[in-house]
Amino acid sequence: MTQDVPLRSWVKSSYSNQDGGNCVEWSPAHAAAHGTVPVRDSKRPHGPVLLLAPAAWTGLVDLARSPRP
């Protein structure tokens, strides 16, 4: 799967930080072209990629933005 998504098309989440924590990346270009949202751990660029439906991606982002109890 990572071979199908050019390295330059990955975008790091705004919730990620420089210290290696919470490093989530996604590829908006791939999502627009193929209708699925690839998500990966930026610390493992050649590791597994999770493909999400757009609605599932929206739910994940909403969950990340929600206040913690």
PDB file of N, CA and C in Angstrom:
ATOM      1  N   MET A   1       0.812  -1.197   0.000  1.00  0.00           N
ATOM      2  CA  MET A   1       0.000   0.000   0.000  1.00  0.00           C
ATOM      3  C   MET A   1       0.855   1.260   0.000  1.00  0.00           C
ATOM      4  N   THR A   2       1.915   1.301   0.777  1.00  0.00           N
ATOM      5  CA  THR A   2       2.719   2.524   0.822  1.00  0.00           C
ATOM      6  C   THR A   2       3.344   2.813  -0.536  1.00  0.00           C
ATOM      7  N   GLN A   3       3.524   1.783  -1.357  1.00  0.00           N
ATOM      8  CA  GLN A   3       4.058   2.008  -2.691  1.00  0.00           C
ATOM      9  C   GLN A   3       3.059   2.787  -3.545  1.00  0.00           C
ATOM     10  N   ASP A   4       1.767   2.688  -3.250  1.00  0.00           N
ATOM     11  CA  ASP A   4       0.728   3.368  -4.008  1.00  0.00           C
ATOM     12  C   ASP A   4       0.570   4.832  -3.609  1.00  0.00           C
ATOM     13  N   VAL A   5       1.134   5.219  -2.481  1.00  0.00           N
ATOM     14  CA  VAL A   5       0.994   6.587  -1.980  1.00  0.00           C
ATOM     15  C   VAL A   5       2.383   7.233  -1.988  1.00  0.00           C
ATOM     16  N   PRO A   6       2.620   8.183  -2.902  1.00  0.00           N
ATOM     17  CA  PRO A   6       3.934   8.826  -2.947  1.00  0.00           C
ATOM     18  C   PRO A   6       4.306   9.458  -1.604  1.00  0.00           C
ATOM     19  N   LEU A   7       5.571   9.344  -1.234  1.00  0.00           N
ATOM     20  CA  LEU A   7       6.028   9.866   0.059  1.00  0.00           C
ATOM     21  C   LEU A   7       5.706  11.340   0.237  1.00  0.00           C
ATOM     22  N   ARG A   8       5.778  12.119  -0.816  1.00  0.00           N
ATOM     23  CA  ARG A   8       5.523  13.563  -0.692  1.00  0.00           C
ATOM     24  C   ARG A   8       4.063  13.884  -0.416  1.00  0.00           C
ATOM     25  N   SER A   9       3.178  12.907  -0.597  1.00  0.00           N
ATOM     26  CA  SER A   9       1.762  13.199  -0.422  1.00  0.00           C
ATOM     27  C   SER A   9       1.275  12.991   1.013  1.00  0.00           C
ATOM     28  N   TRP A  10       2.151  12.540   1.918  1.00  0.00           N
ATOM     29  CA  TRP A  10       1.754  12.334   3.312  1.00  0.00           C
ATOM     30  C   TRP A  10       1.811  13.647   4.075  1.00  0.00           C
ATOM     31  N   VAL A  11       0.805  13.883   4.906  1.00  0.00           N
ATOM     32  CA  VAL A  11       0.708  15.105   5.705  1.00  0.00           C
ATOM     33  C   VAL A  11       0.631  14.703   7.173  1.00  0.00           C
ATOM     34  N   LYS A  12       1.483  15.314   7.997  1.00  0.00           N
ATOM     35  CA  LYS A  12       1.481  15.010   9.425  1.00  0.00           C
ATOM     36  C   LYS A  12       0.338  15.744  10.122  1.00  0.00           C
ATOM     37  N   SER A  13      -0.303  15.068  11.036  1.00  0.00           N
ATOM     38  CA  SER A  13      -1.398  15.655  11.800  1.00  0.00           C
ATOM     39  C   SER A  13      -0.918  16.870  12.572  1.00  0.00           C
ATOM     40  N   SER A  14      -1.795  17.851  12.690  1.00  0.00           N
ATOM     41  CA  SER A  14      -1.450  19.037  13.472  1.00  0.00           C
ATOM     42  C   SER A  14      -1.352  18.707  14.958  1.00  0.00           C
ATOM     43  N   TYR A  15      -1.834  17.534  15.355  1.00  0.00           N
ATOM     44  CA  TYR A  15      -1.737  17.107  16.750  1.00  0.00           C
ATOM     45  C   TYR A  15      -0.407  16.423  17.048  1.00  0.00           C
ATOM     46  N   SER A  16       0.380  16.125  16.016  1.00  0.00           N
ATOM     47  CA  SER A  16       1.683  15.500  16.209  1.00  0.00           C
ATOM     48  C   SER A  16       2.669  16.555  16.682  1.00  0.00           C
ATOM     49  N   ASN A  17       3.723  16.089  17.333  1.00  0.00           N
ATOM     50  CA  ASN A  17       4.723  17.040  17.797  1.00  0.00           C
ATOM     51  C   ASN A  17       6.119  16.623  17.358  1.00  0.00           C
ATOM     52  N   GLN A  18       7.094  17.465  17.587  1.00  0.00           N
ATOM     53  CA  GLN A  18       8.474  17.236  17.158  1.00  0.00           C
ATOM     54  C   GLN A  18       9.187  16.179  17.988  1.00  0.00           C
ATOM     55  N   ASP A  19       8.646  15.821  19.144  1.00  0.00           N
ATOM     56  CA  ASP A  19       9.311  14.881  20.042  1.00  0.00           C
ATOM     57  C   ASP A  19       8.971  13.428  19.755  1.00  0.00           C
ATOM     58  N   GLY A  20       8.266  13.175  18.667  1.00  0.00           N
ATOM     59  CA  GLY A  20       7.957  11.800  18.306  1.00  0.00           C
ATOM     60  C   GLY A  20       6.647  11.277  18.862  1.00  0.00           C
ATOM     61  N   GLY A  21       5.884  12.107  19.543  1.00  0.00           N
ATOM     62  CA  GLY A  21       4.618  11.659  20.090  1.00  0.00           C
ATOM     63  C   GLY A  21       3.459  11.900  19.141  1.00  0.00           C
ATOM     64  N   ASN A  22       2.487  11.021  19.189  1.00  0.00           N
ATOM     65  CA  ASN A  22       1.250  11.192  18.432  1.00  0.00           C
ATOM     66  C   ASN A  22       1.494  11.470  16.951  1.00  0.00           C
ATOM     67  N   CYS A  23       2.359  10.714  16.335  1.00  0.00           N
ATOM     68  CA  CYS A  23       2.741  10.979  14.943  1.00  0.00           C
ATOM     69  C   CYS A  23       1.837  10.241  13.963  1.00  0.00           C
ATOM     70  N   VAL A  24       0.759  10.883  13.604  1.00  0.00           N
ATOM     71  CA  VAL A  24      -0.191  10.321  12.654  1.00  0.00           C
ATOM     72  C   VAL A  24      -0.085  11.112  11.357  1.00  0.00           C
ATOM     73  N   GLU A  25      -0.026  10.386  10.236  1.00  0.00           N
ATOM     74  CA  GLU A  25      -0.006  11.028   8.930  1.00  0.00           C
ATOM     75  C   GLU A  25      -1.142  10.478   8.082  1.00  0.00           C
ATOM     76  N   TRP A  26      -1.588  11.289   7.135  1.00  0.00           N
ATOM     77  CA  TRP A  26      -2.598  10.851   6.192  1.00  0.00           C
ATOM     78  C   TRP A  26      -2.272  11.448   4.828  1.00  0.00           C
ATOM     79  N   SER A  27      -2.921  10.947   3.797  1.00  0.00           N
ATOM     80  CA  SER A  27      -2.651  11.418   2.442  1.00  0.00           C
ATOM     81  C   SER A  27      -3.924  11.971   1.816  1.00  0.00           C
ATOM     82  N   PRO A  28      -4.115  13.293   1.890  1.00  0.00           N
ATOM     83  CA  PRO A  28      -5.309  13.888   1.297  1.00  0.00           C
ATOM     84  C   PRO A  28      -5.379  13.706  -0.220  1.00  0.00           C
ATOM     85  N   ALA A  29      -4.241  13.700  -0.896  1.00  0.00           N
ATOM     86  CA  ALA A  29      -4.242  13.519  -2.351  1.00  0.00           C
ATOM     87  C   ALA A  29      -4.750  12.127  -2.720  1.00  0.00           C
ATOM     88  N   HIS A  30      -4.302  11.119  -1.990  1.00  0.00           N
ATOM     89  CA  HIS A  30      -4.770   9.753  -2.238  1.00  0.00           C
ATOM     90  C   HIS A  30      -6.255   9.647  -1.920  1.00  0.00           C
ATOM     91  N   ALA A  31      -6.690  10.271  -0.843  1.00  0.00           N
ATOM     92  CA  ALA A  31      -8.097  10.229  -0.456  1.00  0.00           C
ATOM     93  C   ALA A  31      -8.975  10.841  -1.547  1.00  0.00           C
ATOM     94  N   ALA A  32      -8.555  11.963  -2.091  1.00  0.00           N
ATOM     95  CA  ALA A  32      -9.334  12.620  -3.139  1.00  0.00           C
ATOM     96  C   ALA A  32      -9.388  11.788  -4.412  1.00  0.00           C
ATOM     97  N   ALA A  33      -8.293  11.135  -4.737  1.00  0.00           N
ATOM     98  CA  ALA A  33      -8.223  10.367  -5.979  1.00  0.00           C
ATOM     99  C   ALA A  33      -8.896   9.005  -5.885  1.00  0.00           C
ATOM    100  N   HIS A  34      -8.893   8.393  -4.682  1.00  0.00           N
ATOM    101  CA  HIS A  34      -9.338   7.002  -4.562  1.00  0.00           C
ATOM    102  C   HIS A  34     -10.535   6.780  -3.639  1.00  0.00           C
ATOM    103  N   GLY A  35     -10.934   7.791  -2.889  1.00  0.00           N
ATOM    104  CA  GLY A  35     -12.109   7.647  -2.032  1.00  0.00           C
ATOM    105  C   GLY A  35     -11.875   6.907  -0.734  1.00  0.00           C
ATOM    106  N   THR A  36     -10.628   6.600  -0.415  1.00  0.00           N
ATOM    107  CA  THR A  36     -10.273   6.024   0.886  1.00  0.00           C
ATOM    108  C   THR A  36      -9.143   6.858   1.471  1.00  0.00           C
ATOM    109  N   VAL A  37      -9.118   6.939   2.790  1.00  0.00           N
ATOM    110  CA  VAL A  37      -8.135   7.783   3.477  1.00  0.00           C
ATOM    111  C   VAL A  37      -7.059   6.897   4.098  1.00  0.00           C
ATOM    112  N   PRO A  38      -5.825   6.939   3.553  1.00  0.00           N
ATOM    113  CA  PRO A  38      -4.747   6.175   4.162  1.00  0.00           C
ATOM    114  C   PRO A  38      -4.180   6.911   5.379  1.00  0.00           C
ATOM    115  N   VAL A  39      -3.958   6.155   6.453  1.00  0.00           N
ATOM    116  CA  VAL A  39      -3.438   6.699   7.706  1.00  0.00           C
ATOM    117  C   VAL A  39      -2.281   5.818   8.144  1.00  0.00           C
ATOM    118  N   ARG A  40      -1.208   6.428   8.635  1.00  0.00           N
ATOM    119  CA  ARG A  40      -0.050   5.650   9.094  1.00  0.00           C
ATOM    120  C   ARG A  40       0.637   6.352  10.258  1.00  0.00           C
ATOM    121  N   ASP A  41       1.529   5.619  10.900  1.00  0.00           N
ATOM    122  CA  ASP A  41       2.392   6.147  11.954  1.00  0.00           C
ATOM    123  C   ASP A  41       3.614   6.741  11.268  1.00  0.00           C
ATOM    124  N   SER A  42       3.856   8.033  11.428  1.00  0.00           N
ATOM    125  CA  SER A  42       4.972   8.671  10.733  1.00  0.00           C
ATOM    126  C   SER A  42       6.334   8.137  11.176  1.00  0.00           C
ATOM    127  N   LYS A  43       6.381   7.524  12.340  1.00  0.00           N
ATOM    128  CA  LYS A  43       7.644   6.935  12.797  1.00  0.00           C
ATOM    129  C   LYS A  43       7.939   5.626  12.073  1.00  0.00           C
ATOM    130  N   ARG A  44       6.931   5.088  11.357  1.00  0.00           N
ATOM    131  CA  ARG A  44       7.090   3.835  10.609  1.00  0.00           C
ATOM    132  C   ARG A  44       6.582   4.042   9.176  1.00  0.00           C
ATOM    133  N   PRO A  45       7.288   4.858   8.383  1.00  0.00           N
ATOM    134  CA  PRO A  45       6.795   5.189   7.048  1.00  0.00           C
ATOM    135  C   PRO A  45       6.647   3.990   6.110  1.00  0.00           C
ATOM    136  N   HIS A  46       7.333   2.911   6.391  1.00  0.00           N
ATOM    137  CA  HIS A  46       7.202   1.712   5.559  1.00  0.00           C
ATOM    138  C   HIS A  46       6.389   0.630   6.266  1.00  0.00           C
ATOM    139  N   GLY A  47       5.769   1.003   7.375  1.00  0.00           N
ATOM    140  CA  GLY A  47       4.936   0.074   8.135  1.00  0.00           C
ATOM    141  C   GLY A  47       3.533   0.001   7.568  1.00  0.00           C
ATOM    142  N   PRO A  48       2.638  -0.584   8.336  1.00  0.00           N
ATOM    143  CA  PRO A  48       1.270  -0.767   7.843  1.00  0.00           C
ATOM    144  C   PRO A  48       0.534   0.557   7.654  1.00  0.00           C
ATOM    145  N   VAL A  49      -0.410   0.536   6.732  1.00  0.00           N
ATOM    146  CA  VAL A  49      -1.263   1.685   6.443  1.00  0.00           C
ATOM    147  C   VAL A  49      -2.701   1.251   6.671  1.00  0.00           C
ATOM    148  N   LEU A  50      -3.424   2.050   7.393  1.00  0.00           N
ATOM    149  CA  LEU A  50      -4.835   1.801   7.645  1.00  0.00           C
ATOM    150  C   LEU A  50      -5.636   2.597   6.619  1.00  0.00           C
ATOM    151  N   LEU A  51      -6.508   1.922   5.866  1.00  0.00           N
ATOM    152  CA  LEU A  51      -7.365   2.606   4.900  1.00  0.00           C
ATOM    153  C   LEU A  51      -8.745   2.791   5.512  1.00  0.00           C
ATOM    154  N   LEU A  52      -9.182   4.032   5.584  1.00  0.00           N
ATOM    155  CA  LEU A  52     -10.468   4.354   6.193  1.00  0.00           C
ATOM    156  C   LEU A  52     -11.441   4.925   5.166  1.00  0.00           C
ATOM    157  N   ALA A  53     -12.714   4.629   5.365  1.00  0.00           N
ATOM    158  CA  ALA A  53     -13.753   5.303   4.600  1.00  0.00           C
ATOM    159  C   ALA A  53     -13.764   6.765   5.054  1.00  0.00           C
ATOM    160  N   PRO A  54     -14.148   7.688   4.188  1.00  0.00           N
ATOM    161  CA  PRO A  54     -14.166   9.103   4.588  1.00  0.00           C
ATOM    162  C   PRO A  54     -14.965   9.366   5.864  1.00  0.00           C
ATOM    163  N   ALA A  55     -16.091   8.700   6.046  1.00  0.00           N
ATOM    164  CA  ALA A  55     -16.889   8.908   7.261  1.00  0.00           C
ATOM    165  C   ALA A  55     -16.142   8.420   8.502  1.00  0.00           C
ATOM    166  N   ALA A  56     -15.401   7.325   8.373  1.00  0.00           N
ATOM    167  CA  ALA A  56     -14.617   6.820   9.502  1.00  0.00           C
ATOM    168  C   ALA A  56     -13.475   7.779   9.833  1.00  0.00           C
ATOM    169  N   TRP A  57     -12.844   8.353   8.812  1.00  0.00           N
ATOM    170  CA  TRP A  57     -11.778   9.329   9.026  1.00  0.00           C
ATOM    171  C   TRP A  57     -12.327  10.557   9.759  1.00  0.00           C
ATOM    172  N   THR A  58     -13.496  11.022   9.329  1.00  0.00           N
ATOM    173  CA  THR A  58     -14.129  12.164   9.987  1.00  0.00           C
ATOM    174  C   THR A  58     -14.401  11.851  11.453  1.00  0.00           C
ATOM    175  N   GLY A  59     -14.883  10.648  11.731  1.00  0.00           N
ATOM    176  CA  GLY A  59     -15.140  10.246  13.112  1.00  0.00           C
ATOM    177  C   GLY A  59     -13.870  10.199  13.938  1.00  0.00           C
ATOM    178  N   LEU A  60     -12.786   9.710  13.352  1.00  0.00           N
ATOM    179  CA  LEU A  60     -11.508   9.648  14.064  1.00  0.00           C
ATOM    180  C   LEU A  60     -10.992  11.052  14.383  1.00  0.00           C
ATOM    181  N   VAL A  61     -11.096  11.954  13.423  1.00  0.00           N
ATOM    182  CA  VAL A  61     -10.655  13.338  13.652  1.00  0.00           C
ATOM    183  C   VAL A  61     -11.524  14.001  14.714  1.00  0.00           C
ATOM    184  N   ASP A  62     -12.829  13.787  14.644  1.00  0.00           N
ATOM    185  CA  ASP A  62     -13.717  14.349  15.665  1.00  0.00           C
ATOM    186  C   ASP A  62     -13.358  13.824  17.056  1.00  0.00           C
ATOM    187  N   LEU A  63     -13.060  12.542  17.156  1.00  0.00           N
ATOM    188  CA  LEU A  63     -12.666  11.953  18.428  1.00  0.00           C
ATOM    189  C   LEU A  63     -11.362  12.576  18.937  1.00  0.00           C
ATOM    190  N   ALA A  64     -10.411  12.769  18.055  1.00  0.00           N
ATOM    191  CA  ALA A  64      -9.126  13.374  18.464  1.00  0.00           C
ATOM    192  C   ALA A  64      -9.306  14.805  18.952  1.00  0.00           C
ATOM    193  N   ARG A  65     -10.263  15.506  18.375  1.00  0.00           N
ATOM    194  CA  ARG A  65     -10.496  16.907  18.752  1.00  0.00           C
ATOM    195  C   ARG A  65     -11.348  17.053  20.012  1.00  0.00           C
ATOM    196  N   SER A  66     -12.040  15.998  20.404  1.00  0.00           N
ATOM    197  CA  SER A  66     -12.958  16.111  21.538  1.00  0.00           C
ATOM    198  C   SER A  66     -12.188  16.269  22.858  1.00  0.00           C
ATOM    199  N   PRO A  67     -12.779  16.981  23.808  1.00  0.00           N
ATOM    200  CA  PRO A  67     -12.115  17.179  25.097  1.00  0.00           C
ATOM    201  C   PRO A  67     -11.962  15.847  25.830  1.00  0.00           C
ATOM    202  N   ARG A  68     -10.901  15.726  26.554  1.00  0.00           N
ATOM    203  CA  ARG A  68     -10.638  14.508  27.339  1.00  0.00           C
ATOM    204  C   ARG A  68     -11.351  14.609  28.683  1.00  0.00           C
ATOM    205  N   PRO A  69     -11.908  13.494  29.153  1.00  0.00           N
ATOM    206  CA  PRO A  69     -12.587  13.507  30.472  1.00  0.00           C
ATOM    207  C   PRO A  69     -11.615  13.696  31.603  1.00  0.00           C
TER     208      PRO A  69
END
